[in-house]
């Protein structure tokens, strides 16, 4: 009798602990992302349809630039022999001795003329000209007229901008932040910490609160700054096991919560909310980053192989794929990813099940 009671107690305790374990340990299976191709179009000899009511999305493939919409309509396409610049607001083509360069809106209508000598660059609706010599740049208004000019003597090695500021990195390791309206330098600082302090990658957050850089050679490092009344405070830095000597990728997410940076065959992601840094192995050099609501899309290139990586904004790697191409790009809108490859553009819808 005692034996039967003992067995019953053992069984009851076993069942009890199994139930408690399942309750505490088992987590629901997370939803999975679905990537569904919708269409693929050619840009070799497309039918131009200018009557689209949808937002124009820019592309650059080989020696062609233009605009398309989410339904696969090509709104405008231009071939060019030498150089070009394009954004969702403007485009232009130019040659090595560019001067009095006309530039256009996505529909092909003329927006203005950039009178400065130098290479035009469009960053959203902001218009810049990198002047001959590589040490100076101008910012222009929406008609192409000079708004201000920064004149320097040290070569510019990194550049970025947001709505409020232009941030420039130099070969001597200096970083300048310039007010977009006045052209005056708001603050100047130097990450330091290396034998050769050249700035190789640089970005400033959309809210103007943070800036980040990769700089130096022989003890290369990533440094994250916080702006406190135009004084730069280092809030995170790490030495990198790389010694790249070319321009490299640094970029904040649109919501200013993450900053991503590429060094060697690795991708770093710093979470500004949780103050945590993660590193991922990637066998590519990142050249472009776009965002969906919850996903970061990265395009990398190594030789003739392009790689696309998908990260959740919780800094979880969802997956990646590779393909061979001469030219490629990525764009995003809402829950859609657009991938350009040589002479074609493909649309991928992203959903979560």
Protein backbone atom coordinates (compact mmCIF):
# COMPACT_ATOMS: atom_id res chain seq x y z
CA UNK A 1 0.00 0.00 0.00
CA UNK A 2 2.81 2.34 0.94
CA UNK A 3 4.54 1.50 -2.31
CA UNK A 4 1.45 2.45 -4.34
CA UNK A 5 1.11 5.76 -2.43
CA UNK A 6 4.78 6.53 -2.99
CA UNK A 7 4.46 5.85 -6.71
CA UNK A 8 1.35 8.06 -6.89
CA UNK A 9 3.16 10.91 -5.11
CA UNK A 10 6.14 10.59 -7.46
CA UNK A 11 3.85 10.70 -10.50
CA UNK A 12 1.95 13.73 -9.15
CA UNK A 13 5.18 15.62 -8.37
CA UNK A 14 6.58 14.76 -11.81
CA UNK A 15 3.46 16.04 -13.57
CA UNK A 16 3.49 19.17 -11.37
CA UNK A 17 7.12 20.00 -12.24
CA UNK A 18 6.54 19.35 -15.96
CA UNK A 19 3.60 21.77 -15.95
CA UNK A 20 5.60 24.42 -14.08
CA UNK A 21 8.58 23.96 -16.46
CA UNK A 22 6.39 24.32 -19.52
CA UNK A 23 4.72 27.40 -18.09
CA UNK A 24 8.01 29.12 -17.28
CA UNK A 25 10.30 27.94 -20.04
CA UNK A 26 8.30 27.55 -23.20
CA UNK A 27 7.94 30.72 -25.25
CA UNK A 28 5.54 31.21 -28.15
CA UNK A 29 7.05 30.67 -31.58
CA UNK A 30 7.71 34.12 -33.07
CA UNK A 31 6.01 35.20 -36.24
CA UNK A 32 8.06 34.59 -39.38
CA UNK A 33 8.69 37.12 -42.12
CA UNK A 34 7.55 36.23 -45.61
CA UNK A 35 9.37 37.69 -48.63
CA UNK A 36 7.15 37.38 -51.70
CA UNK A 37 8.32 38.51 -55.17
CA UNK A 38 5.61 40.46 -57.02
CA UNK A 39 7.10 41.74 -60.28
CA UNK A 40 10.28 42.20 -62.27
CA UNK A 41 10.79 44.87 -64.95
CA UNK A 42 13.56 45.64 -67.44
CA UNK A 43 15.19 49.06 -67.71
CA UNK A 44 16.91 48.27 -71.03
CA UNK A 45 14.13 49.66 -73.25
CA UNK A 46 11.22 50.48 -70.94
CA UNK A 47 7.89 52.07 -71.71
CA UNK A 48 7.96 55.51 -70.03
CA UNK A 49 4.74 56.28 -68.13
CA UNK A 50 4.72 59.78 -66.65
CA UNK A 51 1.09 59.68 -65.51
CA UNK A 52 1.72 57.78 -62.27
CA UNK A 53 0.14 59.22 -59.11
CA UNK A 54 2.47 57.19 -56.92
CA UNK A 55 5.69 58.34 -55.30
CA UNK A 56 8.74 58.29 -57.58
CA UNK A 57 11.59 56.08 -56.40
CA UNK A 58 15.03 56.72 -57.84
CA UNK A 59 17.43 54.16 -59.25
CA UNK A 60 20.94 54.04 -60.65
CA UNK A 61 22.11 51.04 -62.67
CA UNK A 62 25.29 51.18 -64.73
CA UNK A 63 25.15 54.29 -66.91
CA UNK A 64 21.41 54.81 -66.45
CA UNK A 65 19.49 56.75 -63.80
CA UNK A 66 15.77 57.29 -63.45
CA UNK A 67 12.59 56.87 -61.45
CA UNK A 68 9.97 54.15 -61.07
CA UNK A 69 6.93 53.62 -58.84
CA UNK A 70 5.73 50.78 -56.63
CA UNK A 71 3.61 49.33 -59.45
CA UNK A 72 6.60 48.90 -61.75
CA UNK A 73 6.01 51.92 -63.98
CA UNK A 74 9.16 53.68 -65.22
CA UNK A 75 8.49 57.43 -64.92
CA UNK A 76 11.80 58.69 -66.29
CA UNK A 77 15.12 57.27 -67.44
CA UNK A 78 18.33 58.99 -68.54
CA UNK A 79 21.53 57.49 -69.92
CA UNK A 80 24.79 59.33 -69.32
CA UNK A 81 28.38 58.92 -70.58
CA UNK A 82 30.38 60.17 -67.59
CA UNK A 83 28.99 60.97 -64.12
CA UNK A 84 25.63 61.52 -62.43
CA UNK A 85 23.92 62.25 -59.13
CA UNK A 86 20.35 61.38 -58.17
CA UNK A 87 17.99 61.43 -55.18
CA UNK A 88 14.22 61.26 -54.73
CA UNK A 89 14.16 65.05 -55.29
CA UNK A 90 16.65 65.82 -58.09
CA UNK A 91 18.99 64.38 -60.68
CA UNK A 92 21.74 65.60 -63.01
CA UNK A 93 24.46 64.32 -65.31
CA UNK A 94 27.86 65.99 -65.63
CA UNK A 95 31.45 65.49 -66.77
CA UNK A 96 34.84 65.90 -65.10
CA UNK A 97 34.94 69.68 -65.61
CA UNK A 98 31.36 70.29 -64.47
CA UNK A 99 30.20 73.92 -64.47
CA UNK A 100 26.78 75.53 -64.96
CA UNK A 101 25.22 72.09 -64.53
CA UNK A 102 21.45 71.90 -65.15
CA UNK A 103 19.53 69.66 -62.77
CA UNK A 104 16.02 68.28 -62.92
CA UNK A 105 13.03 67.08 -60.92
CA UNK A 106 11.93 63.41 -61.12
CA UNK A 107 9.38 64.21 -63.86
CA UNK A 108 12.14 65.62 -66.08
CA UNK A 109 11.25 69.28 -65.64
CA UNK A 110 14.18 71.63 -65.08
CA UNK A 111 14.74 72.62 -61.44
CA UNK A 112 17.66 75.01 -61.91
CA UNK A 113 21.33 75.41 -62.76
CA UNK A 114 24.27 74.73 -60.45
CA UNK A 115 26.76 77.44 -61.39
CA UNK A 116 29.65 76.27 -59.18
CA UNK A 117 32.60 74.38 -60.63
CA UNK A 118 32.71 70.89 -59.14
CA UNK A 119 30.84 67.64 -58.67
CA UNK A 120 27.15 67.99 -57.67
CA UNK A 121 25.74 65.69 -55.00
CA UNK A 122 22.09 65.36 -53.96
CA UNK A 123 21.29 64.17 -50.43
CA UNK A 124 17.47 63.98 -50.35
CA UNK A 125 16.49 67.58 -51.24
CA UNK A 126 19.84 69.04 -50.15
CA UNK A 127 22.18 70.12 -52.94
CA UNK A 128 25.97 70.12 -52.50
CA UNK A 129 28.93 70.70 -54.81
CA UNK A 130 32.33 69.20 -54.03
CA UNK A 131 34.77 71.79 -55.32
CA UNK A 132 38.01 71.13 -57.27
CA UNK A 133 40.91 70.13 -55.03
CA UNK A 134 38.83 67.98 -52.69
CA UNK A 135 39.13 70.29 -49.67
CA UNK A 136 36.02 72.48 -50.00
CA UNK A 137 32.30 72.20 -50.68
CA UNK A 138 29.30 74.44 -51.32
CA UNK A 139 25.66 74.07 -50.38
CA UNK A 140 23.09 75.37 -52.89
CA UNK A 141 19.44 76.37 -52.65
CA UNK A 142 16.61 74.66 -54.55
CA UNK A 143 17.40 76.67 -57.70
CA UNK A 144 21.12 75.82 -57.66
CA UNK A 145 22.35 79.18 -56.37
CA UNK A 146 25.21 79.15 -53.87
CA UNK A 147 23.97 79.33 -50.28
CA UNK A 148 27.34 79.01 -48.56
CA UNK A 149 30.82 77.57 -49.12
CA UNK A 150 33.10 75.79 -46.69
CA UNK A 151 36.70 76.41 -47.74
CA UNK A 152 39.37 74.15 -46.28
CA UNK A 153 42.94 73.04 -46.91
CA UNK A 154 42.75 69.44 -45.63
CA UNK A 155 41.24 66.79 -47.95
CA UNK A 156 37.63 65.83 -47.22
CA UNK A 157 37.46 62.08 -46.58
CA UNK A 158 33.92 61.59 -45.19
CA UNK A 159 30.63 63.45 -45.46
CA UNK A 160 26.96 63.26 -44.48
CA UNK A 161 24.04 65.52 -43.66
CA UNK A 162 20.58 65.76 -42.15
CA UNK A 163 17.87 68.41 -42.28
CA UNK A 164 19.74 70.69 -39.87
CA UNK A 165 23.46 70.04 -40.26
CA UNK A 166 26.26 69.01 -42.59
CA UNK A 167 29.00 66.86 -41.07
CA UNK A 168 32.44 66.62 -42.69
CA UNK A 169 35.42 64.42 -41.84
CA UNK A 170 38.98 65.21 -42.89
CA UNK A 171 42.27 63.43 -43.54
CA UNK A 172 43.78 64.90 -40.36
CA UNK A 173 41.06 63.31 -38.18
CA UNK A 174 39.03 66.48 -37.63
CA UNK A 175 35.22 66.43 -37.77
CA UNK A 176 33.26 69.65 -38.41
CA UNK A 177 29.50 70.09 -37.98
CA UNK A 178 28.11 72.98 -40.05
CA UNK A 179 24.75 74.72 -39.70
CA UNK A 180 22.79 74.13 -42.91
CA UNK A 181 21.19 77.58 -42.87
CA UNK A 182 24.14 79.81 -42.01
CA UNK A 183 27.12 77.76 -43.19
CA UNK A 184 28.85 78.44 -39.88
CA UNK A 185 30.79 75.70 -38.09
CA UNK A 186 28.82 74.75 -34.97
CA UNK A 187 31.44 72.47 -33.49
CA UNK A 188 34.76 70.86 -34.39
CA UNK A 189 36.25 67.77 -32.72
CA UNK A 190 38.66 64.89 -33.22
CA UNK A 191 38.02 61.22 -32.29
CA UNK A 192 41.78 60.60 -31.85
CA UNK A 193 43.25 57.35 -30.52
CA UNK A 194 45.17 56.27 -33.64
CA UNK A 195 48.59 56.77 -35.20
CA UNK A 196 47.01 58.02 -38.45
CA UNK A 197 43.73 59.77 -37.57
CA UNK A 198 41.95 59.98 -40.99
CA UNK A 199 38.12 59.90 -40.81
CA UNK A 200 36.82 57.05 -43.00
CA UNK A 201 33.11 56.86 -42.15
CA UNK A 202 30.73 59.38 -40.63
CA UNK A 203 27.07 60.10 -39.90
CA UNK A 204 24.88 62.41 -37.83
CA UNK A 205 21.49 61.38 -36.42
CA UNK A 206 18.27 62.92 -37.74
CA UNK A 207 17.60 64.66 -34.43
CA UNK A 208 21.10 66.23 -34.42
CA UNK A 209 21.80 64.65 -31.03
CA UNK A 210 24.40 62.06 -32.01
CA UNK A 211 27.28 61.62 -34.42
CA UNK A 212 29.42 58.57 -35.08
CA UNK A 213 32.66 57.87 -36.92
CA UNK A 214 35.16 55.23 -37.92
CA UNK A 215 38.63 56.73 -38.01
CA UNK A 216 42.31 56.03 -37.87
CA UNK A 217 44.81 53.49 -39.03
CA UNK A 218 46.78 51.34 -36.60
CA UNK A 219 44.23 51.19 -33.79
CA UNK A 220 41.22 51.98 -35.91
CA UNK A 221 38.15 52.73 -33.83
CA UNK A 222 34.45 53.46 -33.82
CA UNK A 223 33.37 56.43 -31.70
CA UNK A 224 29.84 57.56 -30.80
CA UNK A 225 29.34 61.15 -29.64
CA UNK A 226 26.46 62.93 -27.93
CA UNK A 227 26.00 66.66 -28.47
CA UNK A 228 25.64 68.62 -25.24
CA UNK A 229 25.31 72.33 -26.03
CA UNK A 230 27.72 71.97 -28.99
CA UNK A 231 30.21 70.09 -26.82
CA UNK A 232 30.85 66.52 -27.97
CA UNK A 233 30.80 63.82 -25.30
CA UNK A 234 32.02 60.31 -26.12
CA UNK A 235 29.32 57.88 -24.95
CA UNK A 236 30.78 54.74 -26.56
CA UNK A 237 33.96 53.74 -28.35
CA UNK A 238 35.63 50.51 -29.32
CA UNK A 239 38.87 49.63 -31.08
CA UNK A 240 38.30 47.57 -34.22
CA UNK A 241 40.17 44.52 -35.46
CA UNK A 242 40.47 46.05 -38.91
CA UNK A 243 42.64 48.53 -40.75
CA UNK A 244 40.58 49.50 -43.78
CA UNK A 245 42.08 52.35 -45.79
CA UNK A 246 39.05 53.32 -47.86
CA UNK A 247 35.77 55.05 -47.11
CA UNK A 248 33.53 52.86 -44.98
CA UNK A 249 29.89 52.66 -43.90
CA UNK A 250 28.42 54.38 -40.80
CA UNK A 251 24.69 55.18 -40.55
CA UNK A 252 22.00 55.89 -37.96
CA UNK A 253 18.50 54.48 -38.34
CA UNK A 254 15.73 56.96 -39.09
CA UNK A 255 14.39 56.74 -35.52
CA UNK A 256 17.86 57.51 -34.06
CA UNK A 257 17.81 54.35 -31.93
CA UNK A 258 20.56 52.37 -33.67
CA UNK A 259 23.82 53.14 -35.43
CA UNK A 260 25.36 50.59 -37.80
CA UNK A 261 29.00 50.49 -38.87
CA UNK A 262 31.07 48.24 -41.12
CA UNK A 263 34.68 47.28 -40.45
CA UNK A 264 36.61 44.53 -42.18
CA UNK A 265 34.29 41.54 -42.55
CA UNK A 266 32.10 42.60 -39.64
CA UNK A 267 29.02 44.71 -39.01
CA UNK A 268 28.64 46.51 -35.70
CA UNK A 269 25.26 47.64 -34.36
CA UNK A 270 25.08 49.90 -31.32
CA UNK A 271 21.72 50.22 -29.56
CA UNK A 272 21.44 53.75 -28.16
CA UNK A 273 18.37 52.87 -26.08
CA UNK A 274 19.76 49.79 -24.34
CA UNK A 275 23.40 50.92 -24.62
CA UNK A 276 24.54 47.59 -26.06
CA UNK A 277 26.94 46.84 -28.89
CA UNK A 278 26.70 43.76 -31.13
CA UNK A 279 28.97 42.46 -33.86
CA UNK A 280 28.06 40.19 -36.80
CA UNK A 281 30.28 38.38 -39.29
CA UNK A 282 29.59 39.46 -42.87
CA UNK A 283 31.75 38.70 -45.88
CA UNK A 284 31.11 41.97 -47.71
CA UNK A 285 31.49 45.76 -47.60
CA UNK A 286 28.23 47.59 -46.92
CA UNK A 287 27.41 50.23 -49.54
CA UNK A 288 23.75 51.06 -48.83
CA UNK A 289 21.13 50.86 -46.08
CA UNK A 290 17.35 51.22 -46.32
CA UNK A 291 14.56 50.64 -43.80
CA UNK A 292 11.11 49.14 -43.45
CA UNK A 293 9.03 49.66 -40.31
CA UNK A 294 10.73 46.87 -38.37
CA UNK A 295 13.49 45.72 -40.72
CA UNK A 296 16.85 47.12 -41.78
CA UNK A 297 17.96 46.16 -45.29
CA UNK A 298 21.68 46.31 -46.12
CA UNK A 299 23.38 45.98 -49.50
CA UNK A 300 27.00 44.88 -49.60
CA UNK A 301 29.52 44.25 -52.37
CA UNK A 302 32.66 42.16 -52.64
CA UNK A 303 34.20 41.80 -56.10
CA UNK A 304 31.30 40.91 -58.42
CA UNK A 305 29.12 39.45 -55.65
CA UNK A 306 26.40 41.53 -53.99
CA UNK A 307 24.86 40.56 -50.65
CA UNK A 308 21.58 41.67 -49.09
CA UNK A 309 21.19 41.32 -45.32
CA UNK A 310 17.97 41.64 -43.32
CA UNK A 311 18.03 42.66 -39.65
CA UNK A 312 15.15 43.19 -37.29
CA UNK A 313 15.45 46.51 -35.50
CA UNK A 314 15.81 44.42 -32.36
CA UNK A 315 19.26 43.68 -33.89
CA UNK A 316 18.41 40.09 -34.84
CA UNK A 317 19.74 38.81 -38.17
CA UNK A 318 16.78 37.45 -40.15
CA UNK A 319 18.74 36.23 -43.15
CA UNK A 320 20.65 37.15 -46.28
CA UNK A 321 21.23 36.15 -49.88
CA UNK A 322 23.96 36.71 -52.49
CA UNK A 323 23.93 37.26 -56.24
CA UNK A 324 26.39 38.13 -58.97
CA UNK A 325 25.94 41.39 -60.86
CA UNK A 326 27.82 44.30 -62.40
CA UNK A 327 25.52 46.85 -60.72
CA UNK A 328 22.88 46.71 -58.00
CA UNK A 329 20.80 48.88 -55.67
CA UNK A 330 18.14 48.58 -52.96
CA UNK A 331 15.17 50.83 -52.18
CA UNK A 332 12.25 50.50 -49.77
CA UNK A 333 8.76 51.92 -49.38
CA UNK A 334 6.17 50.89 -46.77
CA UNK A 335 6.40 47.05 -46.68
CA UNK A 336 8.11 46.76 -50.07
CA UNK A 337 11.74 46.13 -51.03
CA UNK A 338 13.03 46.94 -54.51
CA UNK A 339 16.20 45.27 -55.75
CA UNK A 340 18.00 46.47 -58.86
CA UNK A 341 20.34 44.11 -60.68
CA UNK A 342 22.11 45.11 -63.92
CA UNK A 343 19.20 45.92 -66.28
CA UNK A 344 16.25 44.86 -64.10
CA UNK A 345 14.30 45.94 -61.01
CA UNK A 346 12.35 43.49 -58.82
CA UNK A 347 9.73 44.13 -56.16
CA UNK A 348 9.47 42.02 -52.99
CA UNK A 349 6.54 42.34 -50.58
CA UNK A 350 7.32 41.71 -46.92
CA UNK A 351 4.69 40.35 -44.54
CA UNK A 352 4.63 38.61 -41.19
CA UNK A 353 2.68 35.44 -40.53
